[in-house]
Amino acid sequence: MNQRPSSADSGLTEIFGAPVADLYERAAVSPGAAALTRALELRSFLALAEEQVARVRDRVHGAMAPVRDMNELSADELRFDAQWLAAALDARDGYLTALGQLLRTMPPQTAPVPSRPVQFAQPQITTTLPPAPAAPAPPRAEAAPEHRP
């Protein structure tokens, strides 16, 4: 299990109805739960990206602390940290977006699962056909044309 916290933990707990640690155990026991497995994978990536954001933020704050000697400041290091922070924030945003889309497309977890397939009552329409008319007599080959007065 991923021990790192993430900003999505409370949402996952609410949606799946269990703490994140229990969700990892559930996914390990029931590999058929594809949505849960994908959600936890995205959550793990998100937690890692958020840890990277926090590390860079803390490093920049430490470098910019008022008690630090200004002679120790390095524009190159701060520029590198800014690039690293931008990459980590982009990754975090991407994981949050992907996780949100996955959770929106999932069926509600609170919906009861029917124990057997639902069968709908199908009305039956019964009709009887009228009796078939007698077959018409075949026309006579020698019949003369009718005269009308």
C-alpha atoms as a PDB file:
ATOM      1  CA  MET A   1       0.000   0.000   0.000  1.00  0.00           C
ATOM      2  CA  ASN A   2       1.092   3.519  -0.688  1.00  0.00           C
ATOM      3  CA  GLN A   3       1.660   5.207   2.694  1.00  0.00           C
ATOM      4  CA  ARG A   4       1.873   8.697   1.210  1.00  0.00           C
ATOM      5  CA  PRO A   5      -1.247  10.793   1.751  1.00  0.00           C
ATOM      6  CA  SER A   6      -2.923  12.457  -1.208  1.00  0.00           C
ATOM      7  CA  SER A   7      -5.448  15.225  -1.669  1.00  0.00           C
ATOM      8  CA  ALA A   8      -7.882  12.673  -3.160  1.00  0.00           C
ATOM      9  CA  ASP A   9      -8.007  10.363  -0.122  1.00  0.00           C
ATOM     10  CA  SER A  10     -11.157  11.791   1.438  1.00  0.00           C
ATOM     11  CA  GLY A  11     -12.980  11.710  -1.898  1.00  0.00           C
ATOM     12  CA  LEU A  12     -12.010   8.084  -2.518  1.00  0.00           C
ATOM     13  CA  THR A  13     -13.089   7.155   1.004  1.00  0.00           C
ATOM     14  CA  GLU A  14     -16.437   8.837   0.424  1.00  0.00           C
ATOM     15  CA  ILE A  15     -17.028   7.274  -2.995  1.00  0.00           C
ATOM     16  CA  PHE A  16     -15.911   3.730  -2.173  1.00  0.00           C
ATOM     17  CA  GLY A  17     -17.136   3.757   1.442  1.00  0.00           C
ATOM     18  CA  ALA A  18     -13.901   2.637   3.086  1.00  0.00           C
ATOM     19  CA  PRO A  19     -10.571   4.120   4.218  1.00  0.00           C
ATOM     20  CA  VAL A  20      -7.827   4.140   1.602  1.00  0.00           C
ATOM     21  CA  ALA A  21      -5.865   1.357   3.372  1.00  0.00           C
ATOM     22  CA  ASP A  22      -8.947  -0.879   3.195  1.00  0.00           C
ATOM     23  CA  LEU A  23      -9.410  -0.009  -0.477  1.00  0.00           C
ATOM     24  CA  TYR A  24      -5.881  -1.239  -1.256  1.00  0.00           C
ATOM     25  CA  GLU A  25      -6.649  -4.486   0.572  1.00  0.00           C
ATOM     26  CA  ARG A  26      -9.964  -4.840  -1.290  1.00  0.00           C
ATOM     27  CA  ALA A  27      -8.226  -4.307  -4.635  1.00  0.00           C
ATOM     28  CA  ALA A  28      -5.591  -6.924  -3.770  1.00  0.00           C
ATOM     29  CA  VAL A  29      -8.248  -9.509  -2.892  1.00  0.00           C
ATOM     30  CA  SER A  30     -10.653  -8.737  -5.783  1.00  0.00           C
ATOM     31  CA  PRO A  31      -8.584  -8.060  -8.889  1.00  0.00           C
ATOM     32  CA  GLY A  32     -11.811  -7.902 -10.909  1.00  0.00           C
ATOM     33  CA  ALA A  33     -12.610  -4.440  -9.545  1.00  0.00           C
ATOM     34  CA  ALA A  34     -11.054  -2.575 -12.486  1.00  0.00           C
ATOM     35  CA  ALA A  35     -12.393   0.867 -11.553  1.00  0.00           C
ATOM     36  CA  LEU A  36     -11.075   0.587  -7.998  1.00  0.00           C
ATOM     37  CA  THR A  37      -7.691  -0.638  -9.221  1.00  0.00           C
ATOM     38  CA  ARG A  38      -7.389   2.240 -11.703  1.00  0.00           C
ATOM     39  CA  ALA A  39      -8.500   4.763  -9.095  1.00  0.00           C
ATOM     40  CA  LEU A  40      -5.875   3.510  -6.639  1.00  0.00           C
ATOM     41  CA  GLU A  41      -3.148   3.561  -9.311  1.00  0.00           C
ATOM     42  CA  LEU A  42      -3.986   7.172 -10.124  1.00  0.00           C
ATOM     43  CA  ARG A  43      -4.133   7.957  -6.391  1.00  0.00           C
ATOM     44  CA  SER A  44      -0.609   6.500  -5.942  1.00  0.00           C
ATOM     45  CA  PHE A  45       0.759   8.582  -8.820  1.00  0.00           C
ATOM     46  CA  LEU A  46      -1.002  11.642  -7.417  1.00  0.00           C
ATOM     47  CA  ALA A  47       0.494  11.069  -3.951  1.00  0.00           C
ATOM     48  CA  LEU A  48       3.981  10.843  -5.450  1.00  0.00           C
ATOM     49  CA  ALA A  49       3.503  14.013  -7.517  1.00  0.00           C
ATOM     50  CA  GLU A  50       2.194  15.876  -4.454  1.00  0.00           C
ATOM     51  CA  GLU A  51       5.210  14.723  -2.459  1.00  0.00           C
ATOM     52  CA  GLN A  52       7.493  16.117  -5.180  1.00  0.00           C
ATOM     53  CA  VAL A  53       5.628  19.445  -5.127  1.00  0.00           C
ATOM     54  CA  ALA A  54       6.013  19.617  -1.341  1.00  0.00           C
ATOM     55  CA  ARG A  55       9.755  18.804  -1.491  1.00  0.00           C
ATOM     56  CA  VAL A  56      10.488  21.509  -4.056  1.00  0.00           C
ATOM     57  CA  ARG A  57       8.293  24.020  -2.211  1.00  0.00           C
ATOM     58  CA  ASP A  58      10.102  23.284   1.062  1.00  0.00           C
ATOM     59  CA  ARG A  59      13.516  23.510  -0.626  1.00  0.00           C
ATOM     60  CA  VAL A  60      12.644  26.923  -2.143  1.00  0.00           C
ATOM     61  CA  HIS A  61      11.248  28.159   1.173  1.00  0.00           C
ATOM     62  CA  GLY A  62      14.428  27.008   2.906  1.00  0.00           C
ATOM     63  CA  ALA A  63      16.632  28.750   0.334  1.00  0.00           C
ATOM     64  CA  MET A  64      14.599  31.969   0.663  1.00  0.00           C
ATOM     65  CA  ALA A  65      14.357  31.949   4.464  1.00  0.00           C
ATOM     66  CA  PRO A  66      15.143  35.339   6.036  1.00  0.00           C
ATOM     67  CA  VAL A  67      17.861  33.815   8.198  1.00  0.00           C
ATOM     68  CA  ARG A  68      19.756  32.431   5.176  1.00  0.00           C
ATOM     69  CA  ASP A  69      22.879  34.176   4.014  1.00  0.00           C
ATOM     70  CA  MET A  70      22.200  35.956   0.700  1.00  0.00           C
ATOM     71  CA  ASN A  71      25.609  34.849  -0.557  1.00  0.00           C
ATOM     72  CA  GLU A  72      24.239  31.273  -0.607  1.00  0.00           C
ATOM     73  CA  LEU A  73      21.420  32.126  -3.051  1.00  0.00           C
ATOM     74  CA  SER A  74      21.793  30.703  -6.531  1.00  0.00           C
ATOM     75  CA  ALA A  75      19.643  31.893  -9.409  1.00  0.00           C
ATOM     76  CA  ASP A  76      20.499  28.714 -11.331  1.00  0.00           C
ATOM     77  CA  GLU A  77      19.295  26.487  -8.481  1.00  0.00           C
ATOM     78  CA  LEU A  78      16.102  28.528  -8.097  1.00  0.00           C
ATOM     79  CA  ARG A  79      15.506  28.361 -11.861  1.00  0.00           C
ATOM     80  CA  PHE A  80      15.978  24.582 -11.774  1.00  0.00           C
ATOM     81  CA  ASP A  81      13.603  24.343  -8.796  1.00  0.00           C
ATOM     82  CA  ALA A  82      11.027  26.433 -10.676  1.00  0.00           C
ATOM     83  CA  GLN A  83      11.214  24.029 -13.653  1.00  0.00           C
ATOM     84  CA  TRP A  84      10.994  21.025 -11.347  1.00  0.00           C
ATOM     85  CA  LEU A  85       8.013  22.562  -9.548  1.00  0.00           C
ATOM     86  CA  ALA A  86       6.243  23.301 -12.844  1.00  0.00           C
ATOM     87  CA  ALA A  87       6.708  19.678 -13.961  1.00  0.00           C
ATOM     88  CA  ALA A  88       5.485  18.297 -10.627  1.00  0.00           C
ATOM     89  CA  LEU A  89       2.439  20.590 -10.643  1.00  0.00           C
ATOM     90  CA  ASP A  90       1.596  19.585 -14.225  1.00  0.00           C
ATOM     91  CA  ALA A  91       1.787  15.916 -13.229  1.00  0.00           C
ATOM     92  CA  ARG A  92      -0.380  16.543 -10.163  1.00  0.00           C
ATOM     93  CA  ASP A  93      -2.983  18.376 -12.253  1.00  0.00           C
ATOM     94  CA  GLY A  94      -2.999  15.568 -14.829  1.00  0.00           C
ATOM     95  CA  TYR A  95      -3.494  12.870 -12.200  1.00  0.00           C
ATOM     96  CA  LEU A  96      -6.255  14.856 -10.485  1.00  0.00           C
ATOM     97  CA  THR A  97      -8.030  15.341 -13.824  1.00  0.00           C
ATOM     98  CA  ALA A  98      -7.732  11.673 -14.789  1.00  0.00           C
ATOM     99  CA  LEU A  99      -8.934  10.521 -11.369  1.00  0.00           C
ATOM    100  CA  GLY A 100     -11.874  12.930 -11.456  1.00  0.00           C
ATOM    101  CA  GLN A 101     -12.907  11.710 -14.917  1.00  0.00           C
ATOM    102  CA  LEU A 102     -12.676   8.083 -13.833  1.00  0.00           C
ATOM    103  CA  LEU A 103     -14.796   8.691 -10.741  1.00  0.00           C
ATOM    104  CA  ARG A 104     -17.422  10.638 -12.726  1.00  0.00           C
ATOM    105  CA  THR A 105     -17.863   7.785 -15.198  1.00  0.00           C
ATOM    106  CA  MET A 106     -18.272   5.125 -12.521  1.00  0.00           C
ATOM    107  CA  PRO A 107     -21.738   3.930 -11.571  1.00  0.00           C
ATOM    108  CA  PRO A 108     -22.781   5.019  -8.081  1.00  0.00           C
ATOM    109  CA  GLN A 109     -21.337   2.686  -5.447  1.00  0.00           C
ATOM    110  CA  THR A 110     -24.448   2.991  -3.302  1.00  0.00           C
ATOM    111  CA  ALA A 111     -26.766   1.523  -5.938  1.00  0.00           C
ATOM    112  CA  PRO A 112     -28.049  -1.880  -4.817  1.00  0.00           C
ATOM    113  CA  VAL A 113     -26.825  -4.734  -6.915  1.00  0.00           C
ATOM    114  CA  PRO A 114     -29.736  -6.976  -7.902  1.00  0.00           C
ATOM    115  CA  SER A 115     -29.301 -10.577  -6.804  1.00  0.00           C
ATOM    116  CA  ARG A 116     -30.695 -11.821 -10.098  1.00  0.00           C
ATOM    117  CA  PRO A 117     -31.202 -10.198 -13.467  1.00  0.00           C
ATOM    118  CA  VAL A 118     -34.164  -7.890 -13.669  1.00  0.00           C
ATOM    119  CA  GLN A 119     -36.987  -9.286 -15.761  1.00  0.00           C
ATOM    120  CA  PHE A 120     -39.503  -6.902 -17.218  1.00  0.00           C
ATOM    121  CA  ALA A 121     -43.108  -7.952 -17.744  1.00  0.00           C
ATOM    122  CA  GLN A 122     -43.633  -8.134 -21.449  1.00  0.00           C
ATOM    123  CA  PRO A 123     -47.258  -7.705 -22.542  1.00  0.00           C
ATOM    124  CA  GLN A 124     -48.292 -10.421 -24.910  1.00  0.00           C
ATOM    125  CA  ILE A 125     -50.413  -9.472 -27.848  1.00  0.00           C
ATOM    126  CA  THR A 126     -52.540 -12.260 -29.210  1.00  0.00           C
ATOM    127  CA  THR A 127     -54.541 -11.954 -32.369  1.00  0.00           C
ATOM    128  CA  THR A 128     -56.365 -14.342 -34.593  1.00  0.00           C
ATOM    129  CA  LEU A 129     -56.264 -14.032 -38.263  1.00  0.00           C
ATOM    130  CA  PRO A 130     -59.539 -14.010 -40.176  1.00  0.00           C
ATOM    131  CA  PRO A 131     -60.197 -17.164 -42.141  1.00  0.00           C
ATOM    132  CA  ALA A 132     -58.456 -17.176 -45.455  1.00  0.00           C
ATOM    133  CA  PRO A 133     -60.836 -16.368 -48.332  1.00  0.00           C
ATOM    134  CA  ALA A 134     -61.522 -19.094 -50.795  1.00  0.00           C
ATOM    135  CA  ALA A 135     -59.067 -19.128 -53.594  1.00  0.00           C
ATOM    136  CA  PRO A 136     -60.414 -17.275 -56.609  1.00  0.00           C
ATOM    137  CA  ALA A 137     -61.453 -19.401 -59.503  1.00  0.00           C
ATOM    138  CA  PRO A 138     -58.970 -19.430 -62.287  1.00  0.00           C
ATOM    139  CA  PRO A 139     -60.097 -17.434 -65.303  1.00  0.00           C
ATOM    140  CA  ARG A 140     -61.534 -19.409 -68.208  1.00  0.00           C
ATOM    141  CA  ALA A 141     -59.543 -19.361 -71.319  1.00  0.00           C
ATOM    142  CA  GLU A 142     -62.583 -19.586 -73.644  1.00  0.00           C
ATOM    143  CA  ALA A 143     -64.687 -16.990 -71.963  1.00  0.00           C
ATOM    144  CA  ALA A 144     -66.099 -14.433 -74.369  1.00  0.00           C
ATOM    145  CA  PRO A 145     -65.856 -10.773 -73.547  1.00  0.00           C
ATOM    146  CA  GLU A 146     -68.897  -9.350 -71.850  1.00  0.00           C
ATOM    147  CA  HIS A 147     -71.169  -7.039 -73.797  1.00  0.00           C
ATOM    148  CA  ARG A 148     -72.655  -4.076 -72.099  1.00  0.00           C
ATOM    149  CA  PRO A 149     -75.829  -2.505 -73.374  1.00  0.00           C
END
